Amino acid sequence: MSHKSNKKDAILLSIIKDKLDEQITFYISKRKHNIQEVKREIFYQDEGTYGRIIGTFVICVFSDKSVIEYELVRHLTENKEYYELTNEAQICKEKERLKMVIPFYTIKKILKTAKGEQEFDS
């Protein structure tokens, strides 16, 4: 289940923008063909009846139809909360996340392509 919180999403994306842009540039540089980022979205993975959030991800879609994700790790201290973007991009294979960012009819095609893909480190 995906939670919509556009204001919080916009704030999170602005906070991590520089690091994410850097990682996206690295990802693009490792591709064989010239591609561009098409879309980036925040996805909240939840569980249970009350939708307890168990993971936060940035999903990035590219012009070659590849979809990668970075986890946003939530940290809580005594008086503040902050997020840290992981350094490793993963090929997005989770159907629920894919449905949020791309039309349904292309999901099977992407999953077939992703089966042989490796993790991308930056």
PDB file of N, CA and C in Angstrom:
ATOM      1  N   MET A   1       0.844  -1.181   0.000  1.00  0.00           N
ATOM      2  CA  MET A   1       0.000   0.000   0.000  1.00  0.00           C
ATOM      3  C   MET A   1       0.883   1.235   0.000  1.00  0.00           C
ATOM      4  N   SER A   2       0.510   2.210  -0.765  1.00  0.00           N
ATOM      5  CA  SER A   2       1.291   3.427  -0.888  1.00  0.00           C
ATOM      6  C   SER A   2       0.546   4.565  -0.188  1.00  0.00           C
ATOM      7  N   HIS A   3       1.239   5.308   0.626  1.00  0.00           N
ATOM      8  CA  HIS A   3       0.640   6.447   1.320  1.00  0.00           C
ATOM      9  C   HIS A   3       0.951   7.711   0.547  1.00  0.00           C
ATOM     10  N   LYS A   4      -0.045   8.556   0.368  1.00  0.00           N
ATOM     11  CA  LYS A   4       0.173   9.809  -0.330  1.00  0.00           C
ATOM     12  C   LYS A   4       0.368  10.919   0.688  1.00  0.00           C
ATOM     13  N   SER A   5       1.490  11.559   0.603  1.00  0.00           N
ATOM     14  CA  SER A   5       1.789  12.701   1.458  1.00  0.00           C
ATOM     15  C   SER A   5       2.655  13.635   0.621  1.00  0.00           C
ATOM     16  N   ASN A   6       2.037  14.323  -0.314  1.00  0.00           N
ATOM     17  CA  ASN A   6       2.774  15.109  -1.294  1.00  0.00           C
ATOM     18  C   ASN A   6       3.713  16.140  -0.682  1.00  0.00           C
ATOM     19  N   LYS A   7       3.290  16.805   0.369  1.00  0.00           N
ATOM     20  CA  LYS A   7       4.139  17.827   0.991  1.00  0.00           C
ATOM     21  C   LYS A   7       5.381  17.186   1.606  1.00  0.00           C
ATOM     22  N   LYS A   8       5.178  16.101   2.363  1.00  0.00           N
ATOM     23  CA  LYS A   8       6.314  15.408   2.977  1.00  0.00           C
ATOM     24  C   LYS A   8       7.224  14.825   1.897  1.00  0.00           C
ATOM     25  N   ASP A   9       6.630  14.274   0.833  1.00  0.00           N
ATOM     26  CA  ASP A   9       7.419  13.712  -0.263  1.00  0.00           C
ATOM     27  C   ASP A   9       8.288  14.785  -0.912  1.00  0.00           C
ATOM     28  N   ALA A  10       7.700  15.944  -1.165  1.00  0.00           N
ATOM     29  CA  ALA A  10       8.443  17.040  -1.796  1.00  0.00           C
ATOM     30  C   ALA A  10       9.601  17.489  -0.909  1.00  0.00           C
ATOM     31  N   ILE A  11       9.366  17.541   0.393  1.00  0.00           N
ATOM     32  CA  ILE A  11      10.430  17.929   1.331  1.00  0.00           C
ATOM     33  C   ILE A  11      11.549  16.889   1.328  1.00  0.00           C
ATOM     34  N   LEU A  12      11.175  15.605   1.407  1.00  0.00           N
ATOM     35  CA  LEU A  12      12.183  14.538   1.386  1.00  0.00           C
ATOM     36  C   LEU A  12      13.007  14.585   0.100  1.00  0.00           C
ATOM     37  N   LEU A  13      12.332  14.724  -1.034  1.00  0.00           N
ATOM     38  CA  LEU A  13      13.052  14.763  -2.311  1.00  0.00           C
ATOM     39  C   LEU A  13      13.978  15.970  -2.399  1.00  0.00           C
ATOM     40  N   SER A  14      13.576  17.111  -1.829  1.00  0.00           N
ATOM     41  CA  SER A  14      14.445  18.290  -1.873  1.00  0.00           C
ATOM     42  C   SER A  14      15.663  18.118  -0.965  1.00  0.00           C
ATOM     43  N   ILE A  15      15.494  17.443   0.160  1.00  0.00           N
ATOM     44  CA  ILE A  15      16.597  17.223   1.099  1.00  0.00           C
ATOM     45  C   ILE A  15      17.669  16.314   0.487  1.00  0.00           C
ATOM     46  N   ILE A  16      17.234  15.281  -0.224  1.00  0.00           N
ATOM     47  CA  ILE A  16      18.187  14.307  -0.763  1.00  0.00           C
ATOM     48  C   ILE A  16      18.559  14.591  -2.223  1.00  0.00           C
ATOM     49  N   LYS A  17      18.048  15.696  -2.782  1.00  0.00           N
ATOM     50  CA  LYS A  17      18.210  15.978  -4.206  1.00  0.00           C
ATOM     51  C   LYS A  17      19.661  15.910  -4.682  1.00  0.00           C
ATOM     52  N   ASP A  18      20.576  16.585  -4.017  1.00  0.00           N
ATOM     53  CA  ASP A  18      21.965  16.623  -4.480  1.00  0.00           C
ATOM     54  C   ASP A  18      22.594  15.237  -4.507  1.00  0.00           C
ATOM     55  N   LYS A  19      22.417  14.486  -3.421  1.00  0.00           N
ATOM     56  CA  LYS A  19      23.000  13.140  -3.379  1.00  0.00           C
ATOM     57  C   LYS A  19      22.336  12.227  -4.402  1.00  0.00           C
ATOM     58  N   LEU A  20      21.013  12.320  -4.520  1.00  0.00           N
ATOM     59  CA  LEU A  20      20.294  11.484  -5.478  1.00  0.00           C
ATOM     60  C   LEU A  20      20.698  11.836  -6.912  1.00  0.00           C
ATOM     61  N   ASP A  21      20.796  13.115  -7.216  1.00  0.00           N
ATOM     62  CA  ASP A  21      21.230  13.538  -8.559  1.00  0.00           C
ATOM     63  C   ASP A  21      22.602  12.958  -8.893  1.00  0.00           C
ATOM     64  N   GLU A  22      23.494  12.985  -7.912  1.00  0.00           N
ATOM     65  CA  GLU A  22      24.839  12.430  -8.085  1.00  0.00           C
ATOM     66  C   GLU A  22      24.774  10.930  -8.393  1.00  0.00           C
ATOM     67  N   GLN A  23      23.959  10.211  -7.647  1.00  0.00           N
ATOM     68  CA  GLN A  23      23.838   8.762  -7.836  1.00  0.00           C
ATOM     69  C   GLN A  23      23.162   8.425  -9.168  1.00  0.00           C
ATOM     70  N   ILE A  24      22.190   9.230  -9.565  1.00  0.00           N
ATOM     71  CA  ILE A  24      21.506   9.019 -10.844  1.00  0.00           C
ATOM     72  C   ILE A  24      22.485   9.247 -11.987  1.00  0.00           C
ATOM     73  N   THR A  25      23.301  10.277 -11.890  1.00  0.00           N
ATOM     74  CA  THR A  25      24.321  10.551 -12.908  1.00  0.00           C
ATOM     75  C   THR A  25      25.264   9.366 -13.037  1.00  0.00           C
ATOM     76  N   PHE A  26      25.668   8.788 -11.911  1.00  0.00           N
ATOM     77  CA  PHE A  26      26.542   7.616 -11.929  1.00  0.00           C
ATOM     78  C   PHE A  26      25.835   6.432 -12.601  1.00  0.00           C
ATOM     79  N   TYR A  27      24.582   6.194 -12.241  1.00  0.00           N
ATOM     80  CA  TYR A  27      23.809   5.095 -12.833  1.00  0.00           C
ATOM     81  C   TYR A  27      23.736   5.258 -14.355  1.00  0.00           C
ATOM     82  N   ILE A  28      23.421   6.459 -14.803  1.00  0.00           N
ATOM     83  CA  ILE A  28      23.300   6.727 -16.243  1.00  0.00           C
ATOM     84  C   ILE A  28      24.638   6.505 -16.948  1.00  0.00           C
ATOM     85  N   SER A  29      25.731   6.896 -16.294  1.00  0.00           N
ATOM     86  CA  SER A  29      27.063   6.756 -16.913  1.00  0.00           C
ATOM     87  C   SER A  29      27.451   5.298 -17.127  1.00  0.00           C
ATOM     88  N   LYS A  30      26.869   4.386 -16.356  1.00  0.00           N
ATOM     89  CA  LYS A  30      27.185   2.960 -16.472  1.00  0.00           C
ATOM     90  C   LYS A  30      26.325   2.241 -17.518  1.00  0.00           C
ATOM     91  N   ARG A  31      25.350   2.920 -18.070  1.00  0.00           N
ATOM     92  CA  ARG A  31      24.467   2.313 -19.060  1.00  0.00           C
ATOM     93  C   ARG A  31      25.109   2.382 -20.442  1.00  0.00           C
ATOM     94  N   LYS A  32      24.768   1.423 -21.294  1.00  0.00           N
ATOM     95  CA  LYS A  32      25.324   1.364 -22.640  1.00  0.00           C
ATOM     96  C   LYS A  32      24.744   2.439 -23.549  1.00  0.00           C
ATOM     97  N   HIS A  33      23.490   2.786 -23.331  1.00  0.00           N
ATOM     98  CA  HIS A  33      22.811   3.747 -24.189  1.00  0.00           C
ATOM     99  C   HIS A  33      22.565   5.040 -23.429  1.00  0.00           C
ATOM    100  N   ASN A  34      22.429   6.109 -24.185  1.00  0.00           N
ATOM    101  CA  ASN A  34      22.136   7.402 -23.585  1.00  0.00           C
ATOM    102  C   ASN A  34      20.692   7.399 -23.089  1.00  0.00           C
ATOM    103  N   ILE A  35      20.489   7.497 -21.786  1.00  0.00           N
ATOM    104  CA  ILE A  35      19.145   7.499 -21.202  1.00  0.00           C
ATOM    105  C   ILE A  35      18.983   8.729 -20.325  1.00  0.00           C
ATOM    106  N   GLN A  36      17.740   9.004 -19.970  1.00  0.00           N
ATOM    107  CA  GLN A  36      17.437  10.123 -19.079  1.00  0.00           C
ATOM    108  C   GLN A  36      16.471   9.655 -18.003  1.00  0.00           C
ATOM    109  N   GLU A  37      16.539  10.319 -16.872  1.00  0.00           N
ATOM    110  CA  GLU A  37      15.573  10.050 -15.819  1.00  0.00           C
ATOM    111  C   GLU A  37      14.241  10.670 -16.233  1.00  0.00           C
ATOM    112  N   VAL A  38      13.166   9.901 -16.076  1.00  0.00           N
ATOM    113  CA  VAL A  38      11.842  10.347 -16.481  1.00  0.00           C
ATOM    114  C   VAL A  38      10.998  10.750 -15.271  1.00  0.00           C
ATOM    115  N   LYS A  39      11.158  10.011 -14.172  1.00  0.00           N
ATOM    116  CA  LYS A  39      10.291  10.212 -13.023  1.00  0.00           C
ATOM    117  C   LYS A  39      10.992   9.766 -11.756  1.00  0.00           C
ATOM    118  N   ARG A  40      10.668  10.435 -10.657  1.00  0.00           N
ATOM    119  CA  ARG A  40      11.153  10.003  -9.339  1.00  0.00           C
ATOM    120  C   ARG A  40      10.021  10.189  -8.339  1.00  0.00           C
ATOM    121  N   GLU A  41       9.802   9.162  -7.545  1.00  0.00           N
ATOM    122  CA  GLU A  41       8.684   9.152  -6.591  1.00  0.00           C
ATOM    123  C   GLU A  41       9.135   8.555  -5.264  1.00  0.00           C
ATOM    124  N   ILE A  42       8.467   8.976  -4.193  1.00  0.00           N
ATOM    125  CA  ILE A  42       8.664   8.375  -2.875  1.00  0.00           C
ATOM    126  C   ILE A  42       7.613   7.278  -2.710  1.00  0.00           C
ATOM    127  N   PHE A  43       8.024   6.135  -2.189  1.00  0.00           N
ATOM    128  CA  PHE A  43       7.108   5.024  -1.942  1.00  0.00           C
ATOM    129  C   PHE A  43       7.274   4.578  -0.499  1.00  0.00           C
ATOM    130  N   TYR A  44       6.147   4.428   0.197  1.00  0.00           N
ATOM    131  CA  TYR A  44       6.147   3.963   1.586  1.00  0.00           C
ATOM    132  C   TYR A  44       5.642   2.532   1.617  1.00  0.00           C
ATOM    133  N   GLN A  45       6.491   1.611   2.055  1.00  0.00           N
ATOM    134  CA  GLN A  45       6.101   0.209   2.194  1.00  0.00           C
ATOM    135  C   GLN A  45       5.485   0.048   3.569  1.00  0.00           C
ATOM    136  N   ASP A  46       4.266  -0.496   3.611  1.00  0.00           N
ATOM    137  CA  ASP A  46       3.625  -0.644   4.912  1.00  0.00           C
ATOM    138  C   ASP A  46       3.147  -2.068   5.119  1.00  0.00           C
ATOM    139  N   GLU A  47       2.731  -2.345   6.351  1.00  0.00           N
ATOM    140  CA  GLU A  47       2.208  -3.663   6.690  1.00  0.00           C
ATOM    141  C   GLU A  47       1.137  -3.511   7.753  1.00  0.00           C
ATOM    142  N   GLY A  48       0.292  -4.518   7.836  1.00  0.00           N
ATOM    143  CA  GLY A  48      -0.713  -4.553   8.891  1.00  0.00           C
ATOM    144  C   GLY A  48      -1.947  -3.728   8.590  1.00  0.00           C
ATOM    145  N   THR A  49      -2.929  -3.891   9.432  1.00  0.00           N
ATOM    146  CA  THR A  49      -4.216  -3.228   9.297  1.00  0.00           C
ATOM    147  C   THR A  49      -4.098  -1.712   9.347  1.00  0.00           C
ATOM    148  N   TYR A  50      -3.198  -1.214  10.156  1.00  0.00           N
ATOM    149  CA  TYR A  50      -3.085   0.226  10.335  1.00  0.00           C
ATOM    150  C   TYR A  50      -2.037   0.856   9.428  1.00  0.00           C
ATOM    151  N   GLY A  51      -1.443   0.062   8.575  1.00  0.00           N
ATOM    152  CA  GLY A  51      -0.492   0.608   7.619  1.00  0.00           C
ATOM    153  C   GLY A  51       0.790   1.127   8.242  1.00  0.00           C
ATOM    154  N   ARG A  52       1.344   0.371   9.179  1.00  0.00           N
ATOM    155  CA  ARG A  52       2.606   0.764   9.813  1.00  0.00           C
ATOM    156  C   ARG A  52       3.701   0.774   8.744  1.00  0.00           C
ATOM    157  N   ILE A  53       4.368   1.910   8.583  1.00  0.00           N
ATOM    158  CA  ILE A  53       5.397   2.051   7.552  1.00  0.00           C
ATOM    159  C   ILE A  53       6.651   1.288   7.974  1.00  0.00           C
ATOM    160  N   ILE A  54       7.098   0.376   7.099  1.00  0.00           N
ATOM    161  CA  ILE A  54       8.275  -0.448   7.391  1.00  0.00           C
ATOM    162  C   ILE A  54       9.440  -0.129   6.456  1.00  0.00           C
ATOM    163  N   GLY A  55       9.220   0.738   5.482  1.00  0.00           N
ATOM    164  CA  GLY A  55      10.291   1.106   4.573  1.00  0.00           C
ATOM    165  C   GLY A  55       9.895   2.288   3.709  1.00  0.00           C
ATOM    166  N   THR A  56      10.870   3.122   3.380  1.00  0.00           N
ATOM    167  CA  THR A  56      10.645   4.272   2.518  1.00  0.00           C
ATOM    168  C   THR A  56      11.660   4.190   1.385  1.00  0.00           C
ATOM    169  N   PHE A  57      11.194   4.352   0.152  1.00  0.00           N
ATOM    170  CA  PHE A  57      12.046   4.178  -1.022  1.00  0.00           C
ATOM    171  C   PHE A  57      11.868   5.329  -2.000  1.00  0.00           C
ATOM    172  N   VAL A  58      12.942   5.642  -2.716  1.00  0.00           N
ATOM    173  CA  VAL A  58      12.858   6.560  -3.848  1.00  0.00           C
ATOM    174  C   VAL A  58      12.914   5.680  -5.087  1.00  0.00           C
ATOM    175  N   ILE A  59      11.877   5.768  -5.914  1.00  0.00           N
ATOM    176  CA  ILE A  59      11.786   4.979  -7.140  1.00  0.00           C
ATOM    177  C   ILE A  59      12.104   5.904  -8.303  1.00  0.00           C
ATOM    178  N   CYS A  60      13.029   5.485  -9.170  1.00  0.00           N
ATOM    179  CA  CYS A  60      13.436   6.290 -10.324  1.00  0.00           C
ATOM    180  C   CYS A  60      13.193   5.512 -11.606  1.00  0.00           C
ATOM    181  N   VAL A  61      12.522   6.161 -12.561  1.00  0.00           N
ATOM    182  CA  VAL A  61      12.204   5.551 -13.851  1.00  0.00           C
ATOM    183  C   VAL A  61      13.019   6.268 -14.926  1.00  0.00           C
ATOM    184  N   PHE A  62      13.532   5.482 -15.883  1.00  0.00           N
ATOM    185  CA  PHE A  62      14.371   6.037 -16.937  1.00  0.00           C
ATOM    186  C   PHE A  62      13.750   5.839 -18.313  1.00  0.00           C
ATOM    187  N   SER A  63      14.248   6.583 -19.281  1.00  0.00           N
ATOM    188  CA  SER A  63      13.699   6.552 -20.637  1.00  0.00           C
ATOM    189  C   SER A  63      13.828   5.188 -21.299  1.00  0.00           C
ATOM    190  N   ASP A  64      14.750   4.346 -20.844  1.00  0.00           N
ATOM    191  CA  ASP A  64      14.875   2.990 -21.406  1.00  0.00           C
ATOM    192  C   ASP A  64      13.969   1.990 -20.676  1.00  0.00           C
ATOM    193  N   LYS A  65      13.064   2.497 -19.842  1.00  0.00           N
ATOM    194  CA  LYS A  65      12.094   1.707 -19.061  1.00  0.00           C
ATOM    195  C   LYS A  65      12.718   0.986 -17.870  1.00  0.00           C
ATOM    196  N   SER A  66      13.988   1.243 -17.573  1.00  0.00           N
ATOM    197  CA  SER A  66      14.566   0.651 -16.370  1.00  0.00           C
ATOM    198  C   SER A  66      14.027   1.404 -15.154  1.00  0.00           C
ATOM    199  N   VAL A  67      13.896   0.675 -14.056  1.00  0.00           N
ATOM    200  CA  VAL A  67      13.370   1.250 -12.813  1.00  0.00           C
ATOM    201  C   VAL A  67      14.295   0.807 -11.685  1.00  0.00           C
ATOM    202  N   ILE A  68      14.840   1.777 -10.964  1.00  0.00           N
ATOM    203  CA  ILE A  68      15.701   1.466  -9.824  1.00  0.00           C
ATOM    204  C   ILE A  68      15.123   2.110  -8.576  1.00  0.00           C
ATOM    205  N   GLU A  69      15.620   1.636  -7.443  1.00  0.00           N
ATOM    206  CA  GLU A  69      15.153   2.195  -6.176  1.00  0.00           C
ATOM    207  C   GLU A  69      16.314   2.348  -5.206  1.00  0.00           C
ATOM    208  N   TYR A  70      16.180   3.360  -4.378  1.00  0.00           N
ATOM    209  CA  TYR A  70      17.106   3.594  -3.272  1.00  0.00           C
ATOM    210  C   TYR A  70      16.263   3.592  -2.011  1.00  0.00           C
ATOM    211  N   GLU A  71      16.779   3.001  -0.953  1.00  0.00           N
ATOM    212  CA  GLU A  71      16.049   3.050   0.308  1.00  0.00           C
ATOM    213  C   GLU A  71      16.404   4.335   1.038  1.00  0.00           C
ATOM    214  N   LEU A  72      15.393   4.935   1.654  1.00  0.00           N
ATOM    215  CA  LEU A  72      15.585   6.071   2.547  1.00  0.00           C
ATOM    216  C   LEU A  72      15.479   5.517   3.960  1.00  0.00           C
ATOM    217  N   VAL A  73      16.584   5.495   4.670  1.00  0.00           N
ATOM    218  CA  VAL A  73      16.605   4.926   6.021  1.00  0.00           C
ATOM    219  C   VAL A  73      16.242   6.028   7.015  1.00  0.00           C
ATOM    220  N   ARG A  74      15.222   5.749   7.808  1.00  0.00           N
ATOM    221  CA  ARG A  74      14.733   6.718   8.795  1.00  0.00           C
ATOM    222  C   ARG A  74      15.523   6.570  10.081  1.00  0.00           C
ATOM    223  N   HIS A  75      15.984   7.699  10.603  1.00  0.00           N
ATOM    224  CA  HIS A  75      16.707   7.718  11.878  1.00  0.00           C
ATOM    225  C   HIS A  75      15.944   8.611  12.853  1.00  0.00           C
ATOM    226  N   LEU A  76      15.786   8.139  14.066  1.00  0.00           N
ATOM    227  CA  LEU A  76      15.140   8.922  15.116  1.00  0.00           C
ATOM    228  C   LEU A  76      16.131   9.160  16.238  1.00  0.00           C
ATOM    229  N   THR A  77      16.275  10.414  16.615  1.00  0.00           N
ATOM    230  CA  THR A  77      17.079  10.743  17.788  1.00  0.00           C
ATOM    231  C   THR A  77      16.110  11.265  18.845  1.00  0.00           C
ATOM    232  N   GLU A  78      16.626  11.722  19.954  1.00  0.00           N
ATOM    233  CA  GLU A  78      15.752  12.179  21.033  1.00  0.00           C
ATOM    234  C   GLU A  78      14.789  13.272  20.597  1.00  0.00           C
ATOM    235  N   ASN A  79      15.269  14.203  19.784  1.00  0.00           N
ATOM    236  CA  ASN A  79      14.398  15.332  19.454  1.00  0.00           C
ATOM    237  C   ASN A  79      14.223  15.597  17.955  1.00  0.00           C
ATOM    238  N   LYS A  80      14.717  14.701  17.111  1.00  0.00           N
ATOM    239  CA  LYS A  80      14.485  14.929  15.686  1.00  0.00           C
ATOM    240  C   LYS A  80      14.483  13.628  14.898  1.00  0.00           C
ATOM    241  N   GLU A  81      13.969  13.753  13.688  1.00  0.00           N
ATOM    242  CA  GLU A  81      13.893  12.633  12.767  1.00  0.00           C
ATOM    243  C   GLU A  81      14.623  13.061  11.494  1.00  0.00           C
ATOM    244  N   TYR A  82      15.398  12.149  10.895  1.00  0.00           N
ATOM    245  CA  TYR A  82      16.017  12.468   9.616  1.00  0.00           C
ATOM    246  C   TYR A  82      16.153  11.206   8.784  1.00  0.00           C
ATOM    247  N   TYR A  83      16.355  11.400   7.490  1.00  0.00           N
ATOM    248  CA  TYR A  83      16.454  10.289   6.549  1.00  0.00           C
ATOM    249  C   TYR A  83      17.819  10.286   5.890  1.00  0.00           C
ATOM    250  N   GLU A  84      18.306   9.091   5.608  1.00  0.00           N
ATOM    251  CA  GLU A  84      19.588   8.929   4.931  1.00  0.00           C
ATOM    252  C   GLU A  84      19.356   8.067   3.689  1.00  0.00           C
ATOM    253  N   LEU A  85      19.839   8.540   2.547  1.00  0.00           N
ATOM    254  CA  LEU A  85      19.707   7.810   1.288  1.00  0.00           C
ATOM    255  C   LEU A  85      20.801   6.760   1.202  1.00  0.00           C
ATOM    256  N   THR A  86      20.423   5.507   0.918  1.00  0.00           N
ATOM    257  CA  THR A  86      21.438   4.464   0.770  1.00  0.00           C
ATOM    258  C   THR A  86      22.259   4.719  -0.490  1.00  0.00           C
ATOM    259  N   ASN A  87      23.471   4.202  -0.512  1.00  0.00           N
ATOM    260  CA  ASN A  87      24.362   4.398  -1.648  1.00  0.00           C
ATOM    261  C   ASN A  87      24.121   3.408  -2.771  1.00  0.00           C
ATOM    262  N   GLU A  88      23.437   2.321  -2.487  1.00  0.00           N
ATOM    263  CA  GLU A  88      23.263   1.266  -3.485  1.00  0.00           C
ATOM    264  C   GLU A  88      21.892   1.320  -4.123  1.00  0.00           C
ATOM    265  N   ALA A  89      21.879   1.403  -5.447  1.00  0.00           N
ATOM    266  CA  ALA A  89      20.617   1.316  -6.190  1.00  0.00           C
ATOM    267  C   ALA A  89      20.318  -0.156  -6.422  1.00  0.00           C
ATOM    268  N   GLN A  90      19.065  -0.492  -6.316  1.00  0.00           N
ATOM    269  CA  GLN A  90      18.604  -1.845  -6.605  1.00  0.00           C
ATOM    270  C   GLN A  90      17.677  -1.768  -7.808  1.00  0.00           C
ATOM    271  N   ILE A  91      17.684  -2.793  -8.639  1.00  0.00           N
ATOM    272  CA  ILE A  91      16.693  -2.880  -9.695  1.00  0.00           C
ATOM    273  C   ILE A  91      15.347  -3.098  -9.010  1.00  0.00           C
ATOM    274  N   CYS A  92      14.367  -2.290  -9.329  1.00  0.00           N
ATOM    275  CA  CYS A  92      13.057  -2.403  -8.694  1.00  0.00           C
ATOM    276  C   CYS A  92      12.301  -3.588  -9.291  1.00  0.00           C
ATOM    277  N   LYS A  93      11.985  -4.560  -8.452  1.00  0.00           N
ATOM    278  CA  LYS A  93      11.255  -5.753  -8.884  1.00  0.00           C
ATOM    279  C   LYS A  93       9.932  -5.909  -8.144  1.00  0.00           C
ATOM    280  N   GLU A  94       9.708  -5.100  -7.142  1.00  0.00           N
ATOM    281  CA  GLU A  94       8.505  -5.169  -6.315  1.00  0.00           C
ATOM    282  C   GLU A  94       7.315  -4.621  -7.107  1.00  0.00           C
ATOM    283  N   LYS A  95       6.341  -5.494  -7.386  1.00  0.00           N
ATOM    284  CA  LYS A  95       5.199  -5.125  -8.234  1.00  0.00           C
ATOM    285  C   LYS A  95       4.436  -3.913  -7.702  1.00  0.00           C
ATOM    286  N   GLU A  96       4.262  -3.839  -6.404  1.00  0.00           N
ATOM    287  CA  GLU A  96       3.518  -2.734  -5.802  1.00  0.00           C
ATOM    288  C   GLU A  96       4.198  -1.391  -6.089  1.00  0.00           C
ATOM    289  N   ARG A  97       5.511  -1.370  -6.000  1.00  0.00           N
ATOM    290  CA  ARG A  97       6.266  -0.135  -6.276  1.00  0.00           C
ATOM    291  C   ARG A  97       6.231   0.189  -7.757  1.00  0.00           C
ATOM    292  N   LEU A  98       6.367  -0.833  -8.592  1.00  0.00           N
ATOM    293  CA  LEU A  98       6.334  -0.614 -10.039  1.00  0.00           C
ATOM    294  C   LEU A  98       4.989  -0.044 -10.475  1.00  0.00           C
ATOM    295  N   LYS A  99       3.901  -0.553  -9.901  1.00  0.00           N
ATOM    296  CA  LYS A  99       2.565  -0.075 -10.267  1.00  0.00           C
ATOM    297  C   LYS A  99       2.403   1.408  -9.983  1.00  0.00           C
ATOM    298  N   MET A 100       3.097   1.909  -8.971  1.00  0.00           N
ATOM    299  CA  MET A 100       2.960   3.310  -8.619  1.00  0.00           C
ATOM    300  C   MET A 100       3.573   4.227  -9.682  1.00  0.00           C
ATOM    301  N   VAL A 101       4.614   3.775 -10.358  1.00  0.00           N
ATOM    302  CA  VAL A 101       5.353   4.682 -11.241  1.00  0.00           C
ATOM    303  C   VAL A 101       5.207   4.415 -12.731  1.00  0.00           C
ATOM    304  N   ILE A 102       4.691   3.266 -13.112  1.00  0.00           N
ATOM    305  CA  ILE A 102       4.575   2.966 -14.536  1.00  0.00           C
ATOM    306  C   ILE A 102       3.223   2.337 -14.856  1.00  0.00           C
ATOM    307  N   PRO A 103       2.807   2.423 -16.128  1.00  0.00           N
ATOM    308  CA  PRO A 103       1.542   1.784 -16.507  1.00  0.00           C
ATOM    309  C   PRO A 103       1.615   0.276 -16.289  1.00  0.00           C
ATOM    310  N   PHE A 104       0.515  -0.305 -15.864  1.00  0.00           N
ATOM    311  CA  PHE A 104       0.466  -1.719 -15.508  1.00  0.00           C
ATOM    312  C   PHE A 104       0.928  -2.641 -16.628  1.00  0.00           C
ATOM    313  N   TYR A 105       0.565  -2.331 -17.877  1.00  0.00           N
ATOM    314  CA  TYR A 105       0.864  -3.249 -18.979  1.00  0.00           C
ATOM    315  C   TYR A 105       2.359  -3.444 -19.234  1.00  0.00           C
ATOM    316  N   THR A 106       3.204  -2.573 -18.745  1.00  0.00           N
ATOM    317  CA  THR A 106       4.638  -2.736 -18.983  1.00  0.00           C
ATOM    318  C   THR A 106       5.366  -3.423 -17.825  1.00  0.00           C
ATOM    319  N   ILE A 107       4.692  -3.691 -16.730  1.00  0.00           N
ATOM    320  CA  ILE A 107       5.339  -4.275 -15.553  1.00  0.00           C
ATOM    321  C   ILE A 107       5.922  -5.654 -15.850  1.00  0.00           C
ATOM    322  N   LYS A 108       5.164  -6.528 -16.500  1.00  0.00           N
ATOM    323  CA  LYS A 108       5.674  -7.869 -16.795  1.00  0.00           C
ATOM    324  C   LYS A 108       6.922  -7.803 -17.655  1.00  0.00           C
ATOM    325  N   LYS A 109       6.924  -6.926 -18.637  1.00  0.00           N
ATOM    326  CA  LYS A 109       8.075  -6.750 -19.528  1.00  0.00           C
ATOM    327  C   LYS A 109       9.309  -6.312 -18.725  1.00  0.00           C
ATOM    328  N   ILE A 110       9.114  -5.375 -17.818  1.00  0.00           N
ATOM    329  CA  ILE A 110      10.225  -4.876 -16.998  1.00  0.00           C
ATOM    330  C   ILE A 110      10.739  -5.968 -16.069  1.00  0.00           C
ATOM    331  N   LEU A 111       9.846  -6.732 -15.465  1.00  0.00           N
ATOM    332  CA  LEU A 111      10.272  -7.798 -14.554  1.00  0.00           C
ATOM    333  C   LEU A 111      11.073  -8.863 -15.305  1.00  0.00           C
ATOM    334  N   LYS A 112      10.677  -9.185 -16.520  1.00  0.00           N
ATOM    335  CA  LYS A 112      11.428 -10.161 -17.313  1.00  0.00           C
ATOM    336  C   LYS A 112      12.833  -9.650 -17.603  1.00  0.00           C
ATOM    337  N   THR A 113      12.944  -8.367 -17.956  1.00  0.00           N
ATOM    338  CA  THR A 113      14.242  -7.750 -18.244  1.00  0.00           C
ATOM    339  C   THR A 113      15.110  -7.706 -16.990  1.00  0.00           C
ATOM    340  N   ALA A 114      14.498  -7.421 -15.843  1.00  0.00           N
ATOM    341  CA  ALA A 114      15.236  -7.241 -14.592  1.00  0.00           C
ATOM    342  C   ALA A 114      15.768  -8.547 -14.016  1.00  0.00           C
ATOM    343  N   LYS A 115      15.240  -9.687 -14.427  1.00  0.00           N
ATOM    344  CA  LYS A 115      15.669 -10.964 -13.845  1.00  0.00           C
ATOM    345  C   LYS A 115      17.167 -11.184 -13.947  1.00  0.00           C
ATOM    346  N   GLY A 116      17.771 -10.787 -15.041  1.00  0.00           N
ATOM    347  CA  GLY A 116      19.204 -11.006 -15.233  1.00  0.00           C
ATOM    348  C   GLY A 116      20.062  -9.849 -14.764  1.00  0.00           C
ATOM    349  N   GLU A 117      19.457  -8.735 -14.321  1.00  0.00           N
ATOM    350  CA  GLU A 117      20.218  -7.547 -13.935  1.00  0.00           C
ATOM    351  C   GLU A 117      20.879  -7.732 -12.576  1.00  0.00           C
ATOM    352  N   GLN A 118      21.940  -7.004 -12.355  1.00  0.00           N
ATOM    353  CA  GLN A 118      22.688  -7.021 -11.096  1.00  0.00           C
ATOM    354  C   GLN A 118      22.386  -5.761 -10.314  1.00  0.00           C
ATOM    355  N   GLU A 119      22.875  -5.677  -9.075  1.00  0.00           N
ATOM    356  CA  GLU A 119      22.772  -4.457  -8.275  1.00  0.00           C
ATOM    357  C   GLU A 119      23.713  -3.432  -8.879  1.00  0.00           C
ATOM    358  N   PHE A 120      23.377  -2.159  -8.679  1.00  0.00           N
ATOM    359  CA  PHE A 120      24.239  -1.076  -9.144  1.00  0.00           C
ATOM    360  C   PHE A 120      24.784  -0.364  -7.930  1.00  0.00           C
ATOM    361  N   ASP A 121      26.073  -0.273  -7.837  1.00  0.00           N
ATOM    362  CA  ASP A 121      26.704   0.441  -6.722  1.00  0.00           C
ATOM    363  C   ASP A 121      27.178   1.781  -7.219  1.00  0.00           C
ATOM    364  N   SER A 122      27.162   2.758  -6.349  1.00  0.00           N
ATOM    365  CA  SER A 122      27.711   4.068  -6.701  1.00  0.00           C
ATOM    366  C   SER A 122      28.625   4.555  -5.613  1.00  0.00           C
TER     367      SER A 122
END
